[in-house]
Amino acid sequence: MALIALEGMRFHAYHGFYEEEQILGGDYLVDVVIETVFTKAAVDDDLYQTINYETVYLVCEVAMRKSSRLLEAVANQIALGIKHQFKQIKSLKVRVKKLDPPLGGRVEAAWVEVDGEFTKKCARCDKPLLCYGDNTCWCMETQLFQKTLEQLKSHYGDRCLCKDCLNFFVT
């Protein structure tokens, strides 16, 4: 495993619960830490086989331009944007800091952090797999009969199956 991180991305943005915050704006710092495997990219010296941190920055920039009332919404939007850009992410952490929040006293920063662990094991064969747990996952492309889905759900619950095991049930 390896980490790719961007720390201290600075933005002036218009997030906040109060109308004044959305009019005047404030200063924010964003940190992103991504766990992935980039061995092949390092050996081949190939940007397209790793996480491009310029793209990560652009995802953050776009999310920071869209006004939100809650930092939680901003952090979640950044995490979803990054997750949907790169399919080889093992885990992801996004921290959004609001500098000098208007709280009536001196406070350096308020921040929220979201994270996600996407590495799971197949419920049938125990092989490791990546699952993003939403409708962008590769398993959503697999066509199964409704009865087969019901049987899988009753046997495995909400646990994921790898591509090989899931294809075993494709009719």
N, C-alpha and C. Protein backbone atom coordinates (compact mmCIF):
# COMPACT_ATOMS: atom_id res chain seq x y z
N MET A 1 0.83 -1.19 0.00
CA MET A 1 0.00 0.00 0.00
C MET A 1 0.87 1.25 0.00
N ALA A 2 0.31 2.30 -0.52
CA ALA A 2 1.02 3.57 -0.57
C ALA A 2 0.01 4.70 -0.35
N LEU A 3 0.52 5.84 0.05
CA LEU A 3 -0.34 7.00 0.27
C LEU A 3 0.01 8.10 -0.72
N ILE A 4 -1.02 8.76 -1.19
CA ILE A 4 -0.87 9.97 -1.99
C ILE A 4 -1.69 11.03 -1.27
N ALA A 5 -1.08 12.18 -1.00
CA ALA A 5 -1.78 13.20 -0.20
C ALA A 5 -1.55 14.59 -0.78
N LEU A 6 -2.56 15.41 -0.62
CA LEU A 6 -2.46 16.85 -0.86
C LEU A 6 -2.87 17.51 0.45
N GLU A 7 -1.99 18.31 1.00
CA GLU A 7 -2.26 18.96 2.28
C GLU A 7 -2.25 20.47 2.11
N GLY A 8 -3.15 21.12 2.83
CA GLY A 8 -3.14 22.57 2.89
C GLY A 8 -3.60 23.27 1.62
N MET A 9 -4.50 22.63 0.86
CA MET A 9 -5.05 23.33 -0.30
C MET A 9 -5.90 24.48 0.24
N ARG A 10 -5.58 25.68 -0.18
CA ARG A 10 -6.21 26.87 0.38
C ARG A 10 -7.22 27.45 -0.61
N PHE A 11 -8.41 27.75 -0.08
CA PHE A 11 -9.49 28.30 -0.90
C PHE A 11 -10.19 29.41 -0.14
N HIS A 12 -10.69 30.39 -0.87
CA HIS A 12 -11.64 31.36 -0.32
C HIS A 12 -12.99 30.92 -0.87
N ALA A 13 -13.92 30.61 0.02
CA ALA A 13 -15.20 30.05 -0.42
C ALA A 13 -16.34 30.61 0.42
N TYR A 14 -17.53 30.30 0.00
CA TYR A 14 -18.73 30.91 0.58
C TYR A 14 -19.63 29.85 1.23
N HIS A 15 -19.06 29.12 2.17
CA HIS A 15 -19.80 28.10 2.89
C HIS A 15 -20.17 28.64 4.27
N GLY A 16 -21.30 28.19 4.76
CA GLY A 16 -21.67 28.55 6.12
C GLY A 16 -23.16 28.50 6.32
N PHE A 17 -23.53 28.31 7.55
CA PHE A 17 -24.94 28.22 7.91
C PHE A 17 -25.62 29.60 7.83
N TYR A 18 -24.85 30.63 8.20
CA TYR A 18 -25.43 31.98 8.26
C TYR A 18 -25.27 32.70 6.93
N GLU A 19 -26.25 33.54 6.62
CA GLU A 19 -26.27 34.27 5.35
C GLU A 19 -25.00 35.11 5.17
N GLU A 20 -24.52 35.71 6.26
CA GLU A 20 -23.32 36.55 6.17
C GLU A 20 -22.11 35.74 5.68
N GLU A 21 -22.01 34.49 6.12
CA GLU A 21 -20.90 33.63 5.70
C GLU A 21 -20.97 33.35 4.21
N GLN A 22 -22.17 33.21 3.70
CA GLN A 22 -22.32 32.92 2.28
C GLN A 22 -22.14 34.16 1.41
N ILE A 23 -22.23 35.34 2.03
CA ILE A 23 -22.00 36.59 1.29
C ILE A 23 -20.54 37.00 1.36
N LEU A 24 -19.96 37.01 2.56
CA LEU A 24 -18.58 37.45 2.76
C LEU A 24 -17.55 36.38 2.44
N GLY A 25 -17.91 35.14 2.67
CA GLY A 25 -16.98 34.04 2.45
C GLY A 25 -15.97 33.93 3.57
N GLY A 26 -15.11 32.96 3.43
CA GLY A 26 -14.07 32.73 4.42
C GLY A 26 -12.96 31.89 3.81
N ASP A 27 -11.91 31.72 4.60
CA ASP A 27 -10.75 30.94 4.13
C ASP A 27 -10.83 29.51 4.65
N TYR A 28 -10.46 28.59 3.77
CA TYR A 28 -10.57 27.16 4.07
C TYR A 28 -9.29 26.45 3.67
N LEU A 29 -8.98 25.39 4.40
CA LEU A 29 -7.90 24.48 4.04
C LEU A 29 -8.50 23.10 3.83
N VAL A 30 -8.03 22.42 2.80
CA VAL A 30 -8.51 21.07 2.50
C VAL A 30 -7.31 20.13 2.43
N ASP A 31 -7.43 19.00 3.12
CA ASP A 31 -6.42 17.94 3.07
C ASP A 31 -7.08 16.68 2.54
N VAL A 32 -6.37 15.97 1.66
CA VAL A 32 -6.86 14.71 1.11
C VAL A 32 -5.74 13.69 1.23
N VAL A 33 -6.07 12.51 1.76
CA VAL A 33 -5.12 11.40 1.85
C VAL A 33 -5.77 10.19 1.21
N ILE A 34 -5.08 9.61 0.24
CA ILE A 34 -5.60 8.47 -0.51
C ILE A 34 -4.64 7.30 -0.36
N GLU A 35 -5.20 6.14 0.01
CA GLU A 35 -4.41 4.91 0.06
C GLU A 35 -4.69 4.13 -1.23
N THR A 36 -3.62 3.72 -1.88
CA THR A 36 -3.74 3.02 -3.16
C THR A 36 -2.51 2.15 -3.37
N VAL A 37 -2.43 1.53 -4.50
CA VAL A 37 -1.24 0.80 -4.93
C VAL A 37 -0.77 1.45 -6.22
N PHE A 38 0.49 1.91 -6.22
CA PHE A 38 0.98 2.53 -7.45
C PHE A 38 2.30 1.92 -7.91
N THR A 39 2.53 0.66 -7.60
CA THR A 39 3.77 -0.02 -7.97
C THR A 39 4.00 0.00 -9.48
N LYS A 40 2.98 -0.36 -10.25
CA LYS A 40 3.12 -0.38 -11.71
C LYS A 40 3.38 1.02 -12.25
N ALA A 41 2.71 2.03 -11.72
CA ALA A 41 2.93 3.40 -12.16
C ALA A 41 4.36 3.83 -11.87
N ALA A 42 4.88 3.44 -10.72
CA ALA A 42 6.24 3.83 -10.36
C ALA A 42 7.27 3.14 -11.25
N VAL A 43 7.06 1.87 -11.55
CA VAL A 43 7.98 1.12 -12.40
C VAL A 43 7.94 1.66 -13.83
N ASP A 44 6.72 1.89 -14.34
CA ASP A 44 6.56 2.34 -15.73
C ASP A 44 6.67 3.86 -15.87
N ASP A 45 6.73 4.57 -14.74
CA ASP A 45 6.77 6.04 -14.74
C ASP A 45 5.59 6.60 -15.54
N ASP A 46 4.38 6.07 -15.21
CA ASP A 46 3.18 6.36 -15.99
C ASP A 46 2.10 6.99 -15.12
N LEU A 47 1.82 8.25 -15.37
CA LEU A 47 0.82 9.00 -14.60
C LEU A 47 -0.56 8.36 -14.67
N TYR A 48 -0.90 7.73 -15.77
CA TYR A 48 -2.25 7.19 -15.97
C TYR A 48 -2.51 5.90 -15.18
N GLN A 49 -1.50 5.39 -14.50
CA GLN A 49 -1.67 4.19 -13.68
C GLN A 49 -1.67 4.52 -12.18
N THR A 50 -1.82 5.78 -11.85
CA THR A 50 -1.81 6.19 -10.45
C THR A 50 -2.89 7.25 -10.22
N ILE A 51 -2.89 7.84 -9.06
CA ILE A 51 -3.82 8.91 -8.72
C ILE A 51 -3.16 10.22 -9.13
N ASN A 52 -3.77 10.92 -10.06
CA ASN A 52 -3.24 12.20 -10.51
C ASN A 52 -3.67 13.28 -9.51
N TYR A 53 -2.72 13.82 -8.76
CA TYR A 53 -3.11 14.78 -7.72
C TYR A 53 -3.54 16.12 -8.29
N GLU A 54 -3.25 16.40 -9.55
CA GLU A 54 -3.82 17.59 -10.18
C GLU A 54 -5.34 17.43 -10.32
N THR A 55 -5.77 16.23 -10.69
CA THR A 55 -7.20 15.95 -10.77
C THR A 55 -7.84 16.03 -9.39
N VAL A 56 -7.16 15.53 -8.37
CA VAL A 56 -7.66 15.62 -6.99
C VAL A 56 -7.87 17.09 -6.62
N TYR A 57 -6.88 17.92 -6.94
CA TYR A 57 -7.01 19.35 -6.65
C TYR A 57 -8.22 19.96 -7.37
N LEU A 58 -8.39 19.62 -8.63
CA LEU A 58 -9.51 20.18 -9.40
C LEU A 58 -10.87 19.75 -8.83
N VAL A 59 -10.97 18.51 -8.37
CA VAL A 59 -12.21 18.06 -7.73
C VAL A 59 -12.49 18.90 -6.49
N CYS A 60 -11.45 19.16 -5.70
CA CYS A 60 -11.60 19.99 -4.50
C CYS A 60 -12.01 21.41 -4.87
N GLU A 61 -11.36 21.96 -5.88
CA GLU A 61 -11.66 23.32 -6.31
C GLU A 61 -13.12 23.47 -6.74
N VAL A 62 -13.61 22.51 -7.51
CA VAL A 62 -15.00 22.55 -7.96
C VAL A 62 -15.96 22.49 -6.77
N ALA A 63 -15.70 21.61 -5.83
CA ALA A 63 -16.56 21.49 -4.65
C ALA A 63 -16.53 22.76 -3.80
N MET A 64 -15.38 23.39 -3.72
CA MET A 64 -15.27 24.61 -2.91
C MET A 64 -15.98 25.78 -3.57
N ARG A 65 -16.16 25.77 -4.86
CA ARG A 65 -16.87 26.85 -5.57
C ARG A 65 -18.37 26.81 -5.32
N LYS A 66 -18.90 25.64 -5.03
CA LYS A 66 -20.34 25.47 -4.82
C LYS A 66 -20.66 25.76 -3.36
N SER A 67 -21.44 26.78 -3.12
CA SER A 67 -21.79 27.19 -1.76
C SER A 67 -22.59 26.11 -1.05
N SER A 68 -22.19 25.79 0.18
CA SER A 68 -22.90 24.81 1.02
C SER A 68 -23.07 25.39 2.41
N ARG A 69 -24.09 24.94 3.09
CA ARG A 69 -24.33 25.41 4.46
C ARG A 69 -23.45 24.68 5.46
N LEU A 70 -23.10 23.42 5.18
CA LEU A 70 -22.36 22.62 6.14
C LEU A 70 -21.02 22.15 5.58
N LEU A 71 -20.00 22.16 6.43
CA LEU A 71 -18.69 21.61 6.05
C LEU A 71 -18.82 20.12 5.74
N GLU A 72 -19.72 19.44 6.43
CA GLU A 72 -19.94 18.02 6.19
C GLU A 72 -20.34 17.78 4.73
N ALA A 73 -21.18 18.64 4.19
CA ALA A 73 -21.61 18.51 2.80
C ALA A 73 -20.44 18.74 1.84
N VAL A 74 -19.60 19.72 2.15
CA VAL A 74 -18.44 20.01 1.30
C VAL A 74 -17.48 18.83 1.29
N ALA A 75 -17.14 18.32 2.48
CA ALA A 75 -16.21 17.19 2.58
C ALA A 75 -16.76 15.96 1.87
N ASN A 76 -18.04 15.71 2.03
CA ASN A 76 -18.66 14.57 1.38
C ASN A 76 -18.65 14.72 -0.15
N GLN A 77 -18.91 15.92 -0.64
CA GLN A 77 -18.90 16.16 -2.08
C GLN A 77 -17.50 15.93 -2.65
N ILE A 78 -16.48 16.38 -1.94
CA ILE A 78 -15.09 16.16 -2.39
C ILE A 78 -14.78 14.66 -2.41
N ALA A 79 -15.14 13.95 -1.35
CA ALA A 79 -14.86 12.52 -1.28
C ALA A 79 -15.55 11.76 -2.41
N LEU A 80 -16.81 12.07 -2.66
CA LEU A 80 -17.53 11.40 -3.75
C LEU A 80 -16.90 11.72 -5.11
N GLY A 81 -16.52 12.98 -5.31
CA GLY A 81 -15.89 13.36 -6.57
C GLY A 81 -14.59 12.61 -6.83
N ILE A 82 -13.77 12.48 -5.80
CA ILE A 82 -12.49 11.77 -5.94
C ILE A 82 -12.74 10.29 -6.16
N LYS A 83 -13.65 9.73 -5.38
CA LYS A 83 -13.95 8.31 -5.48
C LYS A 83 -14.44 7.95 -6.88
N HIS A 84 -15.21 8.83 -7.50
CA HIS A 84 -15.74 8.53 -8.82
C HIS A 84 -14.73 8.79 -9.94
N GLN A 85 -13.66 9.49 -9.65
CA GLN A 85 -12.60 9.73 -10.65
C GLN A 85 -11.61 8.56 -10.74
N PHE A 86 -11.38 7.90 -9.60
CA PHE A 86 -10.32 6.89 -9.53
C PHE A 86 -10.88 5.60 -8.95
N LYS A 87 -10.74 4.51 -9.68
CA LYS A 87 -11.32 3.24 -9.24
C LYS A 87 -10.34 2.38 -8.44
N GLN A 88 -9.10 2.83 -8.24
CA GLN A 88 -8.12 2.02 -7.53
C GLN A 88 -7.86 2.50 -6.11
N ILE A 89 -8.78 3.27 -5.55
CA ILE A 89 -8.61 3.80 -4.20
C ILE A 89 -8.97 2.74 -3.17
N LYS A 90 -8.05 2.46 -2.27
CA LYS A 90 -8.30 1.50 -1.18
C LYS A 90 -9.00 2.19 -0.02
N SER A 91 -8.55 3.40 0.31
CA SER A 91 -9.22 4.21 1.33
C SER A 91 -8.98 5.68 1.02
N LEU A 92 -9.81 6.52 1.62
CA LEU A 92 -9.79 7.94 1.32
C LEU A 92 -10.15 8.72 2.57
N LYS A 93 -9.44 9.82 2.80
CA LYS A 93 -9.75 10.70 3.92
C LYS A 93 -9.74 12.14 3.41
N VAL A 94 -10.78 12.89 3.72
CA VAL A 94 -10.90 14.29 3.32
C VAL A 94 -11.18 15.12 4.56
N ARG A 95 -10.37 16.14 4.78
CA ARG A 95 -10.58 17.07 5.90
C ARG A 95 -10.76 18.47 5.34
N VAL A 96 -11.83 19.15 5.76
CA VAL A 96 -12.10 20.53 5.37
C VAL A 96 -12.07 21.38 6.63
N LYS A 97 -11.17 22.38 6.63
CA LYS A 97 -11.02 23.29 7.77
C LYS A 97 -11.51 24.68 7.40
N LYS A 98 -12.34 25.23 8.26
CA LYS A 98 -12.79 26.61 8.11
C LYS A 98 -11.94 27.44 9.07
N LEU A 99 -11.13 28.34 8.51
CA LEU A 99 -10.24 29.15 9.33
C LEU A 99 -10.99 30.33 9.94
N ASP A 100 -10.68 30.65 11.18
CA ASP A 100 -11.31 31.78 11.89
C ASP A 100 -12.84 31.77 11.78
N PRO A 101 -13.49 30.70 12.20
CA PRO A 101 -14.96 30.65 12.08
C PRO A 101 -15.61 31.71 12.98
N PRO A 102 -16.70 32.30 12.53
CA PRO A 102 -17.35 33.36 13.30
C PRO A 102 -18.15 32.80 14.48
N LEU A 103 -17.47 32.59 15.60
CA LEU A 103 -18.12 31.99 16.76
C LEU A 103 -18.20 32.94 17.95
N GLY A 104 -17.84 34.19 17.77
CA GLY A 104 -17.92 35.16 18.86
C GLY A 104 -16.67 35.19 19.74
N GLY A 105 -15.70 34.39 19.43
CA GLY A 105 -14.43 34.36 20.16
C GLY A 105 -13.34 33.88 19.22
N ARG A 106 -12.12 33.91 19.71
CA ARG A 106 -10.97 33.52 18.88
C ARG A 106 -10.90 31.99 18.78
N VAL A 107 -11.12 31.48 17.56
CA VAL A 107 -11.00 30.06 17.27
C VAL A 107 -10.19 29.94 15.98
N GLU A 108 -9.11 29.20 16.04
CA GLU A 108 -8.24 29.07 14.87
C GLU A 108 -8.94 28.40 13.69
N ALA A 109 -9.64 27.30 13.97
CA ALA A 109 -10.29 26.58 12.87
C ALA A 109 -11.36 25.64 13.41
N ALA A 110 -12.33 25.38 12.57
CA ALA A 110 -13.31 24.32 12.78
C ALA A 110 -13.14 23.37 11.60
N TRP A 111 -13.20 22.08 11.85
CA TRP A 111 -13.02 21.16 10.72
C TRP A 111 -13.87 19.92 10.85
N VAL A 112 -14.11 19.31 9.70
CA VAL A 112 -14.78 18.01 9.62
C VAL A 112 -13.92 17.10 8.76
N GLU A 113 -14.07 15.82 9.00
CA GLU A 113 -13.30 14.84 8.24
C GLU A 113 -14.21 13.68 7.89
N VAL A 114 -14.14 13.26 6.65
CA VAL A 114 -14.85 12.06 6.21
C VAL A 114 -13.81 11.08 5.69
N ASP A 115 -14.10 9.81 5.89
CA ASP A 115 -13.18 8.81 5.36
C ASP A 115 -13.97 7.59 4.91
N GLY A 116 -13.34 6.81 4.10
CA GLY A 116 -13.97 5.59 3.60
C GLY A 116 -12.93 4.52 3.38
N GLU A 117 -13.27 3.32 3.75
CA GLU A 117 -12.43 2.14 3.52
C GLU A 117 -13.14 1.31 2.48
N PHE A 118 -12.52 1.06 1.35
CA PHE A 118 -13.18 0.40 0.24
C PHE A 118 -12.68 -1.02 -0.01
N THR A 119 -11.74 -1.48 0.79
CA THR A 119 -11.22 -2.83 0.64
C THR A 119 -12.09 -3.78 1.45
N LYS A 120 -12.60 -4.80 0.79
CA LYS A 120 -13.43 -5.81 1.44
C LYS A 120 -12.95 -7.19 1.00
N LYS A 121 -13.56 -8.21 1.58
CA LYS A 121 -13.29 -9.58 1.16
C LYS A 121 -14.57 -10.19 0.63
N CYS A 122 -14.44 -10.98 -0.40
CA CYS A 122 -15.59 -11.64 -1.01
C CYS A 122 -16.25 -12.55 0.03
N ALA A 123 -17.57 -12.45 0.12
CA ALA A 123 -18.31 -13.26 1.09
C ALA A 123 -18.31 -14.74 0.72
N ARG A 124 -18.03 -15.05 -0.53
CA ARG A 124 -18.06 -16.45 -0.97
C ARG A 124 -16.68 -17.10 -0.97
N CYS A 125 -15.66 -16.41 -1.51
CA CYS A 125 -14.34 -17.04 -1.64
C CYS A 125 -13.25 -16.38 -0.80
N ASP A 126 -13.58 -15.27 -0.17
CA ASP A 126 -12.67 -14.55 0.74
C ASP A 126 -11.53 -13.81 0.03
N LYS A 127 -11.60 -13.68 -1.32
CA LYS A 127 -10.60 -12.90 -2.04
C LYS A 127 -10.81 -11.41 -1.76
N PRO A 128 -9.74 -10.61 -1.72
CA PRO A 128 -9.91 -9.17 -1.53
C PRO A 128 -10.54 -8.53 -2.77
N LEU A 129 -11.33 -7.48 -2.54
CA LEU A 129 -11.95 -6.75 -3.64
C LEU A 129 -12.16 -5.30 -3.21
N LEU A 130 -12.41 -4.46 -4.19
CA LEU A 130 -12.75 -3.06 -3.92
C LEU A 130 -14.23 -2.88 -4.13
N CYS A 131 -14.88 -2.21 -3.19
CA CYS A 131 -16.31 -1.92 -3.31
C CYS A 131 -16.55 -0.51 -2.82
N TYR A 132 -17.13 0.33 -3.69
CA TYR A 132 -17.43 1.71 -3.32
C TYR A 132 -18.81 1.87 -2.69
N GLY A 133 -19.59 0.79 -2.68
CA GLY A 133 -20.85 0.81 -1.98
C GLY A 133 -21.89 1.77 -2.52
N ASP A 134 -21.83 2.08 -3.79
CA ASP A 134 -22.85 2.94 -4.38
C ASP A 134 -23.13 2.48 -5.81
N ASN A 135 -23.93 3.23 -6.53
CA ASN A 135 -24.35 2.78 -7.85
C ASN A 135 -23.27 2.92 -8.92
N THR A 136 -22.06 3.32 -8.56
CA THR A 136 -20.97 3.35 -9.53
C THR A 136 -20.14 2.07 -9.47
N CYS A 137 -20.45 1.18 -8.56
CA CYS A 137 -19.66 -0.04 -8.39
C CYS A 137 -19.82 -0.95 -9.61
N TRP A 138 -18.77 -1.68 -9.94
CA TRP A 138 -18.76 -2.58 -11.08
C TRP A 138 -19.87 -3.63 -10.98
N CYS A 139 -20.24 -4.02 -9.77
CA CYS A 139 -21.23 -5.09 -9.60
C CYS A 139 -22.62 -4.66 -10.07
N MET A 140 -22.85 -3.35 -10.16
CA MET A 140 -24.15 -2.87 -10.62
C MET A 140 -24.37 -3.16 -12.10
N GLU A 141 -23.28 -3.44 -12.83
CA GLU A 141 -23.38 -3.74 -14.24
C GLU A 141 -23.74 -5.20 -14.50
N THR A 142 -23.66 -6.04 -13.46
CA THR A 142 -23.94 -7.46 -13.59
C THR A 142 -25.45 -7.69 -13.60
N GLN A 143 -25.93 -8.36 -14.62
CA GLN A 143 -27.36 -8.62 -14.76
C GLN A 143 -27.71 -9.95 -14.11
N LEU A 144 -28.56 -9.91 -13.09
CA LEU A 144 -29.02 -11.11 -12.40
C LEU A 144 -30.54 -11.11 -12.35
N PHE A 145 -31.12 -12.30 -12.39
CA PHE A 145 -32.56 -12.41 -12.22
C PHE A 145 -32.93 -12.02 -10.80
N GLN A 146 -34.14 -11.51 -10.62
CA GLN A 146 -34.62 -11.08 -9.31
C GLN A 146 -34.54 -12.21 -8.28
N LYS A 147 -34.91 -13.42 -8.68
CA LYS A 147 -34.87 -14.58 -7.76
C LYS A 147 -33.44 -14.88 -7.34
N THR A 148 -32.50 -14.75 -8.28
CA THR A 148 -31.09 -14.97 -7.95
C THR A 148 -30.61 -13.92 -6.96
N LEU A 149 -30.98 -12.66 -7.18
CA LEU A 149 -30.62 -11.59 -6.24
C LEU A 149 -31.17 -11.86 -4.85
N GLU A 150 -32.42 -12.30 -4.79
CA GLU A 150 -33.03 -12.61 -3.49
C GLU A 150 -32.30 -13.74 -2.79
N GLN A 151 -31.93 -14.77 -3.55
CA GLN A 151 -31.21 -15.90 -2.97
C GLN A 151 -29.83 -15.46 -2.46
N LEU A 152 -29.12 -14.66 -3.25
CA LEU A 152 -27.80 -14.17 -2.83
C LEU A 152 -27.92 -13.31 -1.56
N LYS A 153 -28.94 -12.47 -1.52
CA LYS A 153 -29.14 -11.60 -0.36
C LYS A 153 -29.46 -12.43 0.88
N SER A 154 -30.28 -13.47 0.73
CA SER A 154 -30.61 -14.29 1.89
C SER A 154 -29.40 -15.09 2.38
N HIS A 155 -28.53 -15.48 1.44
CA HIS A 155 -27.36 -16.28 1.82
C HIS A 155 -26.19 -15.43 2.32
N TYR A 156 -25.93 -14.28 1.66
CA TYR A 156 -24.75 -13.47 1.98
C TYR A 156 -25.09 -12.14 2.65
N GLY A 157 -26.36 -11.80 2.76
CA GLY A 157 -26.74 -10.53 3.36
C GLY A 157 -26.27 -9.37 2.50
N ASP A 158 -25.71 -8.35 3.14
CA ASP A 158 -25.21 -7.17 2.41
C ASP A 158 -23.73 -7.27 2.08
N ARG A 159 -23.14 -8.44 2.31
CA ARG A 159 -21.71 -8.59 2.02
C ARG A 159 -21.50 -8.76 0.51
N CYS A 160 -20.41 -8.24 0.03
CA CYS A 160 -20.11 -8.21 -1.41
C CYS A 160 -19.51 -9.53 -1.89
N LEU A 161 -19.70 -9.77 -3.18
CA LEU A 161 -19.04 -10.89 -3.86
C LEU A 161 -18.08 -10.32 -4.89
N CYS A 162 -16.97 -11.03 -5.11
CA CYS A 162 -16.02 -10.61 -6.14
C CYS A 162 -16.61 -10.85 -7.52
N LYS A 163 -15.95 -10.33 -8.52
CA LYS A 163 -16.44 -10.44 -9.90
C LYS A 163 -16.57 -11.90 -10.34
N ASP A 164 -15.58 -12.73 -10.01
CA ASP A 164 -15.63 -14.15 -10.41
C ASP A 164 -16.81 -14.88 -9.77
N CYS A 165 -17.02 -14.65 -8.48
CA CYS A 165 -18.12 -15.32 -7.79
C CYS A 165 -19.47 -14.81 -8.27
N LEU A 166 -19.57 -13.51 -8.49
CA LEU A 166 -20.82 -12.96 -8.97
C LEU A 166 -21.15 -13.47 -10.38
N ASN A 167 -20.12 -13.58 -11.23
CA ASN A 167 -20.32 -14.09 -12.58
C ASN A 167 -20.76 -15.55 -12.59
N PHE A 168 -20.44 -16.29 -11.52
CA PHE A 168 -20.87 -17.67 -11.38
C PHE A 168 -22.40 -17.77 -11.39
N PHE A 169 -23.06 -16.72 -10.88
CA PHE A 169 -24.52 -16.72 -10.77
C PHE A 169 -25.22 -16.05 -11.95
N VAL A 170 -24.46 -15.50 -12.88
CA VAL A 170 -25.05 -14.84 -14.05
C VAL A 170 -25.67 -15.90 -14.93
N THR A 171 -26.86 -15.59 -15.39
CA THR A 171 -27.57 -16.60 -16.23
C THR A 171 -27.48 -16.25 -17.69
